[in-house]
Amino acid sequence: MSSSRSQVPDARPELVLFDAGGTLVLINSDPFNAFLAGWDLPAVKATELFEAHFKAMSEFAYRLEAGEGLEFRWWVKRLFDLVGVSLTADMAGAFGGGKNMWNQPISGARETVVDLQARGYRVAVVSNSDGTVAQELARAGFGGLFEVVIDSTDVAISKPDPGIFEIALQALDVPAANTWYVGDSHFHDVGGAQSAGLAASVLIDPLSLGPAGMLSVSSIAELSGLLP
């Protein structure tokens, strides 16, 4: 599924920026289930974790857009709720944001990045992360593909603040008008990219949960066909 293709700019961008979690990689079910086993809890299926990610992210984005002052730990708790696990305070403290678990490559993601590079697009990453996004991307098979990887912990600015996008644009010497952004949160990613004045932003929305009329794809593999 893709929607509102009329929103696709005619001009070809020079640069495509990517979010990481939910766009290129997901929480790997193996370390996630190892964590659950440590609390004597049953394993969950990778497909359940996949759906929980996008459902929790969509709910998180809508609530933030409605003005609720939620932190990322809300998303973590909701993720666990959706896979049928009641997250205790002790478990939440031990899990954090799932450090060293974000290394399951999303199907088609690496191939899409390589294809864009072969077609002459520059590619980089702008991610809200815990200081490990470059390491986790490398573990997932993306090592060496991106010109720049911006981690919010390293620069002390998080999406949707346009400042984190501006850091990437300055590092790459590319104007916002020549840049697209791709991510899985219509609050953090689409909203942040719009605030930064980027030419276009694309929502990864495999469960069709995003706002109506938003430029979106159900799979990152569809991105190549969307770019001019």
N, C-alpha and C. Protein backbone atom coordinates (compact mmCIF):
# COMPACT_ATOMS: atom_id res chain seq x y z
N MET A 1 0.84 -1.19 0.00
CA MET A 1 0.00 0.00 0.00
C MET A 1 0.87 1.24 0.00
N SER A 2 0.55 2.19 -0.84
CA SER A 2 1.11 3.52 -0.72
C SER A 2 -0.02 4.50 -0.96
N SER A 3 0.07 5.67 -0.35
CA SER A 3 -1.03 6.60 -0.46
C SER A 3 -0.51 7.97 -0.83
N SER A 4 -1.40 8.77 -1.44
CA SER A 4 -1.11 10.15 -1.78
C SER A 4 0.19 10.29 -2.57
N ARG A 5 0.27 9.53 -3.66
CA ARG A 5 1.46 9.64 -4.50
C ARG A 5 1.59 11.03 -5.11
N SER A 6 0.50 11.81 -5.13
CA SER A 6 0.57 13.18 -5.62
C SER A 6 1.50 14.02 -4.77
N GLN A 7 1.79 13.54 -3.54
CA GLN A 7 2.71 14.27 -2.67
C GLN A 7 4.17 14.05 -3.04
N VAL A 8 4.45 13.12 -3.95
CA VAL A 8 5.83 12.84 -4.32
C VAL A 8 6.36 14.01 -5.16
N PRO A 9 7.42 14.67 -4.70
CA PRO A 9 7.96 15.78 -5.48
C PRO A 9 8.48 15.30 -6.83
N ASP A 10 8.38 16.17 -7.83
CA ASP A 10 8.87 15.83 -9.15
C ASP A 10 10.39 15.80 -9.18
N ALA A 11 11.00 16.69 -8.40
CA ALA A 11 12.46 16.80 -8.41
C ALA A 11 13.11 15.60 -7.71
N ARG A 12 14.15 15.10 -8.30
CA ARG A 12 14.88 13.98 -7.73
C ARG A 12 15.73 14.50 -6.55
N PRO A 13 15.63 13.86 -5.36
CA PRO A 13 16.47 14.30 -4.24
C PRO A 13 17.90 13.82 -4.41
N GLU A 14 18.81 14.53 -3.77
CA GLU A 14 20.20 14.09 -3.74
C GLU A 14 20.44 13.09 -2.63
N LEU A 15 19.71 13.28 -1.51
CA LEU A 15 19.97 12.54 -0.28
C LEU A 15 18.69 11.91 0.25
N VAL A 16 18.79 10.66 0.72
CA VAL A 16 17.69 10.00 1.43
C VAL A 16 18.19 9.67 2.82
N LEU A 17 17.53 10.23 3.82
CA LEU A 17 17.84 9.95 5.22
C LEU A 17 16.87 8.89 5.73
N PHE A 18 17.39 7.98 6.54
CA PHE A 18 16.58 6.91 7.09
C PHE A 18 16.56 6.96 8.61
N ASP A 19 15.41 6.68 9.19
CA ASP A 19 15.31 6.27 10.59
C ASP A 19 15.93 4.88 10.68
N ALA A 20 16.20 4.40 11.88
CA ALA A 20 16.76 3.05 12.05
C ALA A 20 15.69 2.08 12.55
N GLY A 21 15.32 2.15 13.83
CA GLY A 21 14.36 1.21 14.40
C GLY A 21 12.98 1.33 13.76
N GLY A 22 12.47 0.23 13.23
CA GLY A 22 11.18 0.22 12.58
C GLY A 22 11.25 0.56 11.11
N THR A 23 12.43 0.95 10.64
CA THR A 23 12.63 1.32 9.25
C THR A 23 13.66 0.41 8.59
N LEU A 24 14.80 0.26 9.24
CA LEU A 24 15.86 -0.62 8.75
C LEU A 24 15.99 -1.89 9.59
N VAL A 25 15.77 -1.75 10.89
CA VAL A 25 15.93 -2.87 11.83
C VAL A 25 14.78 -2.89 12.83
N LEU A 26 14.60 -4.04 13.44
CA LEU A 26 13.65 -4.22 14.54
C LEU A 26 14.37 -4.89 15.70
N ILE A 27 13.69 -4.97 16.83
CA ILE A 27 14.21 -5.76 17.95
C ILE A 27 14.31 -7.21 17.50
N ASN A 28 15.45 -7.80 17.71
CA ASN A 28 15.68 -9.20 17.35
C ASN A 28 14.96 -10.10 18.36
N SER A 29 14.16 -11.01 17.86
CA SER A 29 13.36 -11.85 18.76
C SER A 29 14.21 -12.79 19.61
N ASP A 30 15.41 -13.14 19.15
CA ASP A 30 16.25 -14.05 19.93
C ASP A 30 16.71 -13.43 21.25
N PRO A 31 17.35 -12.26 21.25
CA PRO A 31 17.70 -11.66 22.54
C PRO A 31 16.48 -11.21 23.33
N PHE A 32 15.41 -10.85 22.64
CA PHE A 32 14.18 -10.47 23.35
C PHE A 32 13.63 -11.67 24.12
N ASN A 33 13.59 -12.81 23.47
CA ASN A 33 13.10 -14.02 24.14
C ASN A 33 14.06 -14.50 25.21
N ALA A 34 15.35 -14.27 25.01
CA ALA A 34 16.32 -14.61 26.07
C ALA A 34 16.06 -13.75 27.30
N PHE A 35 15.70 -12.48 27.07
CA PHE A 35 15.33 -11.61 28.18
C PHE A 35 14.10 -12.15 28.90
N LEU A 36 13.07 -12.53 28.15
CA LEU A 36 11.86 -13.08 28.76
C LEU A 36 12.16 -14.35 29.55
N ALA A 37 13.02 -15.19 29.00
CA ALA A 37 13.37 -16.44 29.69
C ALA A 37 14.03 -16.18 31.02
N GLY A 38 14.76 -15.08 31.11
CA GLY A 38 15.40 -14.72 32.37
C GLY A 38 14.40 -14.36 33.45
N TRP A 39 13.18 -14.08 33.05
CA TRP A 39 12.10 -13.78 34.00
C TRP A 39 11.07 -14.91 34.02
N ASP A 40 11.47 -16.06 33.53
CA ASP A 40 10.60 -17.25 33.49
C ASP A 40 9.31 -17.00 32.72
N LEU A 41 9.44 -16.28 31.62
CA LEU A 41 8.28 -15.98 30.78
C LEU A 41 8.43 -16.68 29.43
N PRO A 42 7.32 -17.08 28.83
CA PRO A 42 7.39 -17.80 27.55
C PRO A 42 7.83 -16.89 26.40
N ALA A 43 8.38 -17.52 25.38
CA ALA A 43 8.85 -16.79 24.21
C ALA A 43 7.66 -16.27 23.39
N VAL A 44 7.93 -15.23 22.60
CA VAL A 44 6.94 -14.71 21.67
C VAL A 44 7.46 -14.91 20.25
N LYS A 45 6.54 -14.97 19.29
CA LYS A 45 6.92 -15.16 17.90
C LYS A 45 7.45 -13.86 17.31
N ALA A 46 8.35 -13.99 16.35
CA ALA A 46 8.89 -12.81 15.67
C ALA A 46 7.78 -12.01 15.01
N THR A 47 6.77 -12.69 14.48
CA THR A 47 5.66 -11.98 13.84
C THR A 47 4.86 -11.17 14.85
N GLU A 48 4.74 -11.68 16.06
CA GLU A 48 4.04 -10.94 17.12
C GLU A 48 4.82 -9.69 17.50
N LEU A 49 6.13 -9.82 17.58
CA LEU A 49 6.98 -8.70 17.93
C LEU A 49 6.94 -7.64 16.83
N PHE A 50 6.91 -8.07 15.59
CA PHE A 50 6.81 -7.17 14.44
C PHE A 50 5.53 -6.34 14.53
N GLU A 51 4.39 -7.00 14.70
CA GLU A 51 3.12 -6.28 14.77
C GLU A 51 3.07 -5.38 15.98
N ALA A 52 3.58 -5.84 17.11
CA ALA A 52 3.56 -5.04 18.33
C ALA A 52 4.37 -3.76 18.16
N HIS A 53 5.50 -3.85 17.46
CA HIS A 53 6.32 -2.66 17.23
C HIS A 53 5.50 -1.58 16.56
N PHE A 54 4.88 -1.91 15.43
CA PHE A 54 4.19 -0.90 14.65
C PHE A 54 2.89 -0.42 15.31
N LYS A 55 2.20 -1.31 15.99
CA LYS A 55 1.00 -0.89 16.71
C LYS A 55 1.37 0.07 17.84
N ALA A 56 2.40 -0.28 18.61
CA ALA A 56 2.82 0.57 19.73
C ALA A 56 3.33 1.91 19.21
N MET A 57 4.09 1.90 18.11
CA MET A 57 4.63 3.15 17.57
C MET A 57 3.52 4.05 17.06
N SER A 58 2.52 3.47 16.42
CA SER A 58 1.41 4.27 15.93
C SER A 58 0.63 4.90 17.08
N GLU A 59 0.33 4.11 18.10
CA GLU A 59 -0.37 4.65 19.27
C GLU A 59 0.45 5.75 19.95
N PHE A 60 1.73 5.51 20.06
CA PHE A 60 2.65 6.48 20.66
C PHE A 60 2.60 7.81 19.90
N ALA A 61 2.67 7.73 18.58
CA ALA A 61 2.66 8.93 17.75
C ALA A 61 1.34 9.69 17.88
N TYR A 62 0.22 8.97 17.82
CA TYR A 62 -1.08 9.65 17.94
C TYR A 62 -1.23 10.33 19.30
N ARG A 63 -0.78 9.69 20.36
CA ARG A 63 -0.91 10.28 21.69
C ARG A 63 -0.01 11.51 21.84
N LEU A 64 1.17 11.44 21.29
CA LEU A 64 2.06 12.60 21.34
C LEU A 64 1.48 13.75 20.52
N GLU A 65 0.91 13.45 19.37
CA GLU A 65 0.29 14.49 18.55
C GLU A 65 -0.90 15.12 19.26
N ALA A 66 -1.54 14.34 20.14
CA ALA A 66 -2.68 14.86 20.90
C ALA A 66 -2.23 15.68 22.11
N GLY A 67 -0.93 15.77 22.34
CA GLY A 67 -0.42 16.61 23.41
C GLY A 67 -0.07 15.88 24.68
N GLU A 68 -0.13 14.54 24.68
CA GLU A 68 0.25 13.81 25.88
C GLU A 68 1.78 13.81 26.03
N GLY A 69 2.24 14.10 27.22
CA GLY A 69 3.68 14.19 27.46
C GLY A 69 4.30 12.84 27.78
N LEU A 70 4.28 11.93 26.82
CA LEU A 70 4.76 10.58 27.06
C LEU A 70 6.25 10.47 26.75
N GLU A 71 6.92 9.58 27.46
CA GLU A 71 8.32 9.28 27.19
C GLU A 71 8.42 7.93 26.50
N PHE A 72 9.62 7.60 26.00
CA PHE A 72 9.81 6.37 25.24
C PHE A 72 9.46 5.12 26.07
N ARG A 73 9.59 5.21 27.38
CA ARG A 73 9.26 4.05 28.21
C ARG A 73 7.79 3.68 28.08
N TRP A 74 6.94 4.65 27.72
CA TRP A 74 5.53 4.32 27.46
C TRP A 74 5.45 3.36 26.29
N TRP A 75 6.21 3.63 25.21
CA TRP A 75 6.21 2.77 24.05
C TRP A 75 6.71 1.37 24.42
N VAL A 76 7.74 1.30 25.25
CA VAL A 76 8.28 0.01 25.67
C VAL A 76 7.20 -0.80 26.40
N LYS A 77 6.54 -0.16 27.35
CA LYS A 77 5.49 -0.87 28.10
C LYS A 77 4.38 -1.33 27.18
N ARG A 78 4.00 -0.49 26.23
CA ARG A 78 2.92 -0.86 25.31
C ARG A 78 3.35 -2.02 24.42
N LEU A 79 4.61 -2.04 24.00
CA LEU A 79 5.13 -3.17 23.22
C LEU A 79 4.96 -4.47 23.99
N PHE A 80 5.35 -4.46 25.25
CA PHE A 80 5.22 -5.67 26.07
C PHE A 80 3.75 -6.04 26.26
N ASP A 81 2.89 -5.06 26.48
CA ASP A 81 1.46 -5.33 26.61
C ASP A 81 0.94 -6.07 25.38
N LEU A 82 1.36 -5.62 24.21
CA LEU A 82 0.84 -6.16 22.96
C LEU A 82 1.33 -7.58 22.67
N VAL A 83 2.44 -7.97 23.29
CA VAL A 83 2.89 -9.36 23.14
C VAL A 83 2.46 -10.21 24.33
N GLY A 84 1.60 -9.64 25.19
CA GLY A 84 1.01 -10.39 26.29
C GLY A 84 1.86 -10.51 27.53
N VAL A 85 2.78 -9.55 27.73
CA VAL A 85 3.66 -9.58 28.90
C VAL A 85 3.40 -8.34 29.75
N SER A 86 3.12 -8.55 31.01
CA SER A 86 2.95 -7.44 31.95
C SER A 86 4.33 -7.00 32.43
N LEU A 87 4.73 -5.82 32.07
CA LEU A 87 6.07 -5.34 32.35
C LEU A 87 6.13 -4.74 33.76
N THR A 88 6.85 -5.40 34.66
CA THR A 88 7.01 -4.88 36.01
C THR A 88 8.09 -3.79 36.02
N ALA A 89 8.17 -3.05 37.11
CA ALA A 89 9.18 -2.00 37.22
C ALA A 89 10.59 -2.57 37.14
N ASP A 90 10.81 -3.71 37.77
CA ASP A 90 12.13 -4.34 37.73
C ASP A 90 12.49 -4.77 36.31
N MET A 91 11.52 -5.34 35.61
CA MET A 91 11.75 -5.76 34.24
C MET A 91 12.04 -4.56 33.34
N ALA A 92 11.26 -3.50 33.55
CA ALA A 92 11.44 -2.29 32.74
C ALA A 92 12.83 -1.71 32.94
N GLY A 93 13.29 -1.71 34.16
CA GLY A 93 14.62 -1.20 34.45
C GLY A 93 15.70 -2.03 33.80
N ALA A 94 15.53 -3.34 33.80
CA ALA A 94 16.52 -4.22 33.20
C ALA A 94 16.49 -4.15 31.67
N PHE A 95 15.31 -3.94 31.11
CA PHE A 95 15.17 -3.92 29.65
C PHE A 95 15.62 -2.59 29.07
N GLY A 96 15.29 -1.49 29.73
CA GLY A 96 15.58 -0.17 29.19
C GLY A 96 14.86 0.01 27.87
N GLY A 97 15.61 0.34 26.84
CA GLY A 97 15.04 0.48 25.51
C GLY A 97 15.36 -0.70 24.62
N GLY A 98 15.84 -1.79 25.22
CA GLY A 98 16.22 -2.96 24.44
C GLY A 98 17.63 -2.84 23.89
N LYS A 99 18.53 -2.31 24.70
CA LYS A 99 19.90 -2.09 24.23
C LYS A 99 20.53 -3.38 23.73
N ASN A 100 21.21 -3.28 22.60
CA ASN A 100 21.88 -4.42 21.94
C ASN A 100 20.90 -5.45 21.38
N MET A 101 19.63 -5.06 21.24
CA MET A 101 18.64 -5.95 20.62
C MET A 101 18.19 -5.48 19.24
N TRP A 102 18.49 -4.22 18.88
CA TRP A 102 17.97 -3.64 17.65
C TRP A 102 18.85 -4.00 16.45
N ASN A 103 18.89 -5.28 16.11
CA ASN A 103 19.77 -5.70 15.03
C ASN A 103 19.13 -6.74 14.11
N GLN A 104 17.80 -6.81 14.12
CA GLN A 104 17.10 -7.69 13.18
C GLN A 104 16.78 -6.90 11.91
N PRO A 105 17.45 -7.17 10.80
CA PRO A 105 17.18 -6.38 9.59
C PRO A 105 15.77 -6.61 9.08
N ILE A 106 15.11 -5.55 8.69
CA ILE A 106 13.79 -5.65 8.10
C ILE A 106 13.92 -6.16 6.67
N SER A 107 13.04 -7.06 6.30
CA SER A 107 13.09 -7.67 4.97
C SER A 107 13.10 -6.59 3.88
N GLY A 108 14.09 -6.68 3.01
CA GLY A 108 14.18 -5.76 1.88
C GLY A 108 14.90 -4.46 2.17
N ALA A 109 15.23 -4.20 3.45
CA ALA A 109 15.81 -2.90 3.79
C ALA A 109 17.21 -2.72 3.21
N ARG A 110 18.08 -3.70 3.43
CA ARG A 110 19.44 -3.56 2.92
C ARG A 110 19.44 -3.49 1.39
N GLU A 111 18.63 -4.33 0.76
CA GLU A 111 18.56 -4.33 -0.69
C GLU A 111 18.09 -2.97 -1.23
N THR A 112 17.16 -2.35 -0.52
CA THR A 112 16.66 -1.04 -0.93
C THR A 112 17.75 0.01 -0.83
N VAL A 113 18.48 0.01 0.27
CA VAL A 113 19.57 0.98 0.44
C VAL A 113 20.62 0.81 -0.65
N VAL A 114 21.00 -0.43 -0.91
CA VAL A 114 22.00 -0.71 -1.95
C VAL A 114 21.50 -0.27 -3.32
N ASP A 115 20.23 -0.51 -3.59
CA ASP A 115 19.64 -0.11 -4.87
C ASP A 115 19.67 1.41 -5.03
N LEU A 116 19.33 2.13 -3.98
CA LEU A 116 19.34 3.59 -4.07
C LEU A 116 20.75 4.11 -4.32
N GLN A 117 21.71 3.53 -3.63
CA GLN A 117 23.09 3.92 -3.86
C GLN A 117 23.50 3.68 -5.30
N ALA A 118 23.11 2.53 -5.84
CA ALA A 118 23.46 2.20 -7.22
C ALA A 118 22.82 3.17 -8.21
N ARG A 119 21.70 3.75 -7.82
CA ARG A 119 21.00 4.72 -8.68
C ARG A 119 21.49 6.15 -8.46
N GLY A 120 22.48 6.30 -7.59
CA GLY A 120 23.11 7.61 -7.42
C GLY A 120 22.63 8.44 -6.26
N TYR A 121 21.75 7.89 -5.43
CA TYR A 121 21.30 8.61 -4.24
C TYR A 121 22.33 8.49 -3.13
N ARG A 122 22.50 9.55 -2.36
CA ARG A 122 23.29 9.47 -1.16
C ARG A 122 22.37 9.02 -0.02
N VAL A 123 22.90 8.26 0.93
CA VAL A 123 22.07 7.71 2.01
C VAL A 123 22.77 7.91 3.35
N ALA A 124 21.97 8.20 4.38
CA ALA A 124 22.47 8.40 5.73
C ALA A 124 21.36 8.07 6.71
N VAL A 125 21.69 8.06 8.00
CA VAL A 125 20.73 7.68 9.04
C VAL A 125 20.62 8.78 10.08
N VAL A 126 19.40 9.06 10.51
CA VAL A 126 19.13 9.96 11.64
C VAL A 126 18.19 9.21 12.57
N SER A 127 18.66 8.85 13.76
CA SER A 127 17.91 7.95 14.64
C SER A 127 17.85 8.45 16.07
N ASN A 128 16.69 8.30 16.70
CA ASN A 128 16.60 8.43 18.15
C ASN A 128 17.08 7.11 18.74
N SER A 129 18.24 7.11 19.36
CA SER A 129 18.80 5.87 19.85
C SER A 129 19.59 6.11 21.13
N ASP A 130 20.26 5.06 21.59
CA ASP A 130 20.94 5.10 22.89
C ASP A 130 22.46 5.13 22.78
N GLY A 131 22.95 5.55 21.63
CA GLY A 131 24.39 5.61 21.42
C GLY A 131 24.95 4.39 20.72
N THR A 132 24.09 3.42 20.40
CA THR A 132 24.57 2.17 19.80
C THR A 132 24.05 1.93 18.38
N VAL A 133 23.38 2.91 17.78
CA VAL A 133 22.71 2.65 16.51
C VAL A 133 23.70 2.24 15.42
N ALA A 134 24.86 2.90 15.34
CA ALA A 134 25.83 2.53 14.30
C ALA A 134 26.30 1.09 14.49
N GLN A 135 26.55 0.71 15.72
CA GLN A 135 26.99 -0.65 16.04
C GLN A 135 25.91 -1.67 15.69
N GLU A 136 24.66 -1.36 16.03
CA GLU A 136 23.57 -2.30 15.77
C GLU A 136 23.29 -2.43 14.27
N LEU A 137 23.39 -1.32 13.54
CA LEU A 137 23.21 -1.39 12.10
C LEU A 137 24.29 -2.26 11.46
N ALA A 138 25.51 -2.13 11.96
CA ALA A 138 26.60 -2.96 11.44
C ALA A 138 26.33 -4.44 11.71
N ARG A 139 25.84 -4.75 12.90
CA ARG A 139 25.53 -6.14 13.24
C ARG A 139 24.42 -6.68 12.36
N ALA A 140 23.54 -5.80 11.90
CA ALA A 140 22.41 -6.22 11.06
C ALA A 140 22.77 -6.28 9.58
N GLY A 141 24.02 -5.95 9.24
CA GLY A 141 24.44 -6.05 7.85
C GLY A 141 24.49 -4.76 7.08
N PHE A 142 24.34 -3.63 7.78
CA PHE A 142 24.34 -2.33 7.11
C PHE A 142 25.68 -1.60 7.25
N GLY A 143 26.67 -2.25 7.79
CA GLY A 143 27.95 -1.60 8.03
C GLY A 143 28.56 -1.05 6.75
N GLY A 144 29.00 0.20 6.80
CA GLY A 144 29.67 0.83 5.67
C GLY A 144 28.76 1.35 4.58
N LEU A 145 27.44 1.20 4.71
CA LEU A 145 26.54 1.64 3.66
C LEU A 145 26.21 3.13 3.73
N PHE A 146 26.21 3.69 4.94
CA PHE A 146 25.73 5.05 5.11
C PHE A 146 26.89 6.04 5.27
N GLU A 147 26.74 7.20 4.65
CA GLU A 147 27.77 8.23 4.75
C GLU A 147 27.90 8.76 6.18
N VAL A 148 26.77 8.92 6.83
CA VAL A 148 26.72 9.46 8.19
C VAL A 148 25.64 8.72 8.96
N VAL A 149 25.89 8.43 10.22
CA VAL A 149 24.87 7.88 11.12
C VAL A 149 24.78 8.81 12.33
N ILE A 150 23.65 9.49 12.45
CA ILE A 150 23.43 10.44 13.55
C ILE A 150 22.59 9.75 14.62
N ASP A 151 23.13 9.66 15.82
CA ASP A 151 22.46 9.04 16.97
C ASP A 151 22.09 10.15 17.94
N SER A 152 20.82 10.20 18.32
CA SER A 152 20.34 11.30 19.18
C SER A 152 21.12 11.41 20.48
N THR A 153 21.54 10.29 21.04
CA THR A 153 22.31 10.32 22.28
C THR A 153 23.65 11.02 22.07
N ASP A 154 24.25 10.80 20.93
CA ASP A 154 25.56 11.41 20.66
C ASP A 154 25.47 12.92 20.46
N VAL A 155 24.36 13.39 19.89
CA VAL A 155 24.24 14.83 19.57
C VAL A 155 23.33 15.57 20.54
N ALA A 156 22.72 14.84 21.47
CA ALA A 156 21.86 15.42 22.51
C ALA A 156 20.66 16.19 21.93
N ILE A 157 20.16 15.73 20.80
CA ILE A 157 18.93 16.26 20.19
C ILE A 157 18.15 15.07 19.65
N SER A 158 16.84 15.06 19.89
CA SER A 158 16.02 13.94 19.45
C SER A 158 14.93 14.41 18.50
N LYS A 159 14.56 13.55 17.57
CA LYS A 159 13.38 13.82 16.75
C LYS A 159 12.15 13.91 17.67
N PRO A 160 11.22 14.79 17.37
CA PRO A 160 11.03 15.53 16.13
C PRO A 160 11.73 16.89 16.06
N ASP A 161 12.62 17.19 16.97
CA ASP A 161 13.35 18.46 16.90
C ASP A 161 14.07 18.56 15.55
N PRO A 162 13.81 19.61 14.79
CA PRO A 162 14.45 19.71 13.47
C PRO A 162 15.96 19.82 13.55
N GLY A 163 16.48 20.16 14.72
CA GLY A 163 17.92 20.32 14.87
C GLY A 163 18.70 19.07 14.54
N ILE A 164 18.15 17.89 14.82
CA ILE A 164 18.88 16.66 14.55
C ILE A 164 18.99 16.41 13.05
N PHE A 165 17.98 16.83 12.29
CA PHE A 165 18.06 16.72 10.83
C PHE A 165 19.07 17.72 10.29
N GLU A 166 19.08 18.91 10.88
CA GLU A 166 20.01 19.95 10.42
C GLU A 166 21.46 19.53 10.63
N ILE A 167 21.73 18.79 11.70
CA ILE A 167 23.08 18.27 11.93
C ILE A 167 23.51 17.36 10.78
N ALA A 168 22.61 16.49 10.36
CA ALA A 168 22.92 15.58 9.26
C ALA A 168 23.12 16.35 7.96
N LEU A 169 22.25 17.31 7.70
CA LEU A 169 22.36 18.08 6.46
C LEU A 169 23.66 18.87 6.41
N GLN A 170 24.05 19.44 7.53
CA GLN A 170 25.30 20.19 7.59
C GLN A 170 26.49 19.26 7.38
N ALA A 171 26.44 18.08 8.00
CA ALA A 171 27.55 17.13 7.87
C ALA A 171 27.72 16.66 6.43
N LEU A 172 26.61 16.57 5.70
CA LEU A 172 26.64 16.07 4.33
C LEU A 172 26.65 17.18 3.29
N ASP A 173 26.46 18.42 3.75
CA ASP A 173 26.44 19.59 2.87
C ASP A 173 25.38 19.45 1.77
N VAL A 174 24.17 19.09 2.22
CA VAL A 174 23.03 18.95 1.32
C VAL A 174 21.88 19.79 1.86
N PRO A 175 21.22 20.58 1.04
CA PRO A 175 20.08 21.37 1.53
C PRO A 175 18.86 20.52 1.82
N ALA A 176 18.01 21.00 2.71
CA ALA A 176 16.78 20.27 3.05
C ALA A 176 15.91 20.04 1.83
N ALA A 177 15.91 21.00 0.90
CA ALA A 177 15.07 20.90 -0.29
C ALA A 177 15.49 19.77 -1.22
N ASN A 178 16.68 19.21 -1.00
CA ASN A 178 17.16 18.10 -1.83
C ASN A 178 17.20 16.78 -1.06
N THR A 179 16.39 16.71 0.00
CA THR A 179 16.47 15.56 0.92
C THR A 179 15.10 14.99 1.22
N TRP A 180 15.03 13.66 1.24
CA TRP A 180 13.86 12.93 1.71
C TRP A 180 14.19 12.26 3.05
N TYR A 181 13.13 11.98 3.83
CA TYR A 181 13.31 11.21 5.06
C TYR A 181 12.33 10.05 5.08
N VAL A 182 12.76 8.91 5.64
CA VAL A 182 11.95 7.69 5.70
C VAL A 182 11.95 7.18 7.13
N GLY A 183 10.76 6.99 7.72
CA GLY A 183 10.69 6.51 9.09
C GLY A 183 9.34 5.91 9.42
N ASP A 184 9.21 5.37 10.62
CA ASP A 184 8.00 4.63 11.00
C ASP A 184 7.10 5.36 11.98
N SER A 185 7.44 6.60 12.35
CA SER A 185 6.61 7.37 13.28
C SER A 185 6.14 8.65 12.61
N HIS A 186 4.83 8.83 12.52
CA HIS A 186 4.34 10.06 11.90
C HIS A 186 4.53 11.27 12.80
N PHE A 187 4.82 11.05 14.07
CA PHE A 187 5.13 12.18 14.97
C PHE A 187 6.61 12.51 14.90
N HIS A 188 7.47 11.55 15.23
CA HIS A 188 8.90 11.81 15.30
C HIS A 188 9.53 12.00 13.92
N ASP A 189 9.17 11.14 12.97
CA ASP A 189 9.85 11.10 11.69
C ASP A 189 9.23 12.05 10.67
N VAL A 190 7.97 11.83 10.35
CA VAL A 190 7.31 12.70 9.37
C VAL A 190 7.21 14.12 9.91
N GLY A 191 6.74 14.25 11.16
CA GLY A 191 6.61 15.58 11.74
C GLY A 191 7.93 16.31 11.85
N GLY A 192 8.97 15.59 12.28
CA GLY A 192 10.28 16.20 12.42
C GLY A 192 10.86 16.61 11.09
N ALA A 193 10.72 15.75 10.08
CA ALA A 193 11.24 16.06 8.76
C ALA A 193 10.52 17.26 8.15
N GLN A 194 9.23 17.34 8.36
CA GLN A 194 8.49 18.49 7.86
C GLN A 194 8.94 19.78 8.54
N SER A 195 9.16 19.72 9.85
CA SER A 195 9.63 20.89 10.58
C SER A 195 11.00 21.35 10.10
N ALA A 196 11.82 20.38 9.66
CA ALA A 196 13.16 20.70 9.17
C ALA A 196 13.15 21.16 7.72
N GLY A 197 11.97 21.15 7.08
CA GLY A 197 11.85 21.64 5.72
C GLY A 197 12.30 20.68 4.65
N LEU A 198 12.36 19.37 4.97
CA LEU A 198 12.77 18.40 3.97
C LEU A 198 11.75 18.32 2.83
N ALA A 199 12.24 17.92 1.66
CA ALA A 199 11.39 17.92 0.47
C ALA A 199 10.23 16.95 0.58
N ALA A 200 10.46 15.81 1.23
CA ALA A 200 9.41 14.79 1.37
C ALA A 200 9.75 13.89 2.55
N SER A 201 8.73 13.29 3.11
CA SER A 201 8.92 12.29 4.16
C SER A 201 7.96 11.14 3.89
N VAL A 202 8.46 9.93 4.09
CA VAL A 202 7.70 8.72 3.78
C VAL A 202 7.52 7.91 5.05
N LEU A 203 6.30 7.53 5.35
CA LEU A 203 5.99 6.72 6.54
C LEU A 203 6.02 5.24 6.18
N ILE A 204 6.79 4.46 6.94
CA ILE A 204 6.75 3.00 6.82
C ILE A 204 5.55 2.53 7.65
N ASP A 205 4.55 1.97 6.99
CA ASP A 205 3.26 1.70 7.64
C ASP A 205 2.69 0.35 7.20
N PRO A 206 3.30 -0.76 7.62
CA PRO A 206 2.88 -2.07 7.13
C PRO A 206 1.49 -2.49 7.59
N LEU A 207 0.98 -1.90 8.66
CA LEU A 207 -0.33 -2.29 9.18
C LEU A 207 -1.41 -1.26 8.84
N SER A 208 -1.07 -0.27 8.01
CA SER A 208 -2.02 0.77 7.58
C SER A 208 -2.66 1.49 8.76
N LEU A 209 -1.82 1.93 9.68
CA LEU A 209 -2.30 2.58 10.90
C LEU A 209 -2.09 4.09 10.88
N GLY A 210 -1.37 4.60 9.89
CA GLY A 210 -1.03 6.01 9.87
C GLY A 210 -2.18 6.90 9.45
N PRO A 211 -2.00 8.21 9.59
CA PRO A 211 -3.05 9.18 9.21
C PRO A 211 -3.39 9.09 7.73
N ALA A 212 -4.65 9.32 7.42
CA ALA A 212 -5.09 9.30 6.03
C ALA A 212 -4.40 10.40 5.24
N GLY A 213 -4.08 10.09 4.01
CA GLY A 213 -3.49 11.08 3.12
C GLY A 213 -2.00 11.27 3.25
N MET A 214 -1.36 10.54 4.14
CA MET A 214 0.08 10.68 4.33
C MET A 214 0.82 9.82 3.32
N LEU A 215 1.92 10.34 2.80
CA LEU A 215 2.74 9.57 1.88
C LEU A 215 3.34 8.40 2.64
N SER A 216 3.00 7.18 2.24
CA SER A 216 3.39 6.01 3.02
C SER A 216 3.61 4.81 2.12
N VAL A 217 4.34 3.84 2.65
CA VAL A 217 4.53 2.56 1.98
C VAL A 217 4.33 1.46 3.01
N SER A 218 3.87 0.31 2.56
CA SER A 218 3.66 -0.80 3.48
C SER A 218 4.94 -1.57 3.73
N SER A 219 5.92 -1.39 2.86
CA SER A 219 7.20 -2.06 2.99
C SER A 219 8.29 -1.15 2.46
N ILE A 220 9.44 -1.17 3.10
CA ILE A 220 10.54 -0.34 2.63
C ILE A 220 10.96 -0.72 1.21
N ALA A 221 10.67 -1.95 0.80
CA ALA A 221 11.01 -2.38 -0.55
C ALA A 221 10.26 -1.56 -1.60
N GLU A 222 9.15 -0.91 -1.21
CA GLU A 222 8.39 -0.09 -2.14
C GLU A 222 9.02 1.28 -2.36
N LEU A 223 10.00 1.63 -1.53
CA LEU A 223 10.57 2.97 -1.59
C LEU A 223 11.25 3.25 -2.93
N SER A 224 11.95 2.27 -3.46
CA SER A 224 12.66 2.47 -4.73
C SER A 224 11.72 2.91 -5.84
N GLY A 225 10.52 2.33 -5.85
CA GLY A 225 9.55 2.70 -6.88
C GLY A 225 8.92 4.06 -6.66
N LEU A 226 9.03 4.56 -5.44
CA LEU A 226 8.44 5.86 -5.12
C LEU A 226 9.37 7.01 -5.48
N LEU A 227 10.66 6.77 -5.38
CA LEU A 227 11.64 7.83 -5.64
C LEU A 227 11.71 8.13 -7.14
N PRO A 228 11.76 9.42 -7.50
CA PRO A 228 11.81 9.76 -8.93
C PRO A 228 13.15 9.39 -9.54
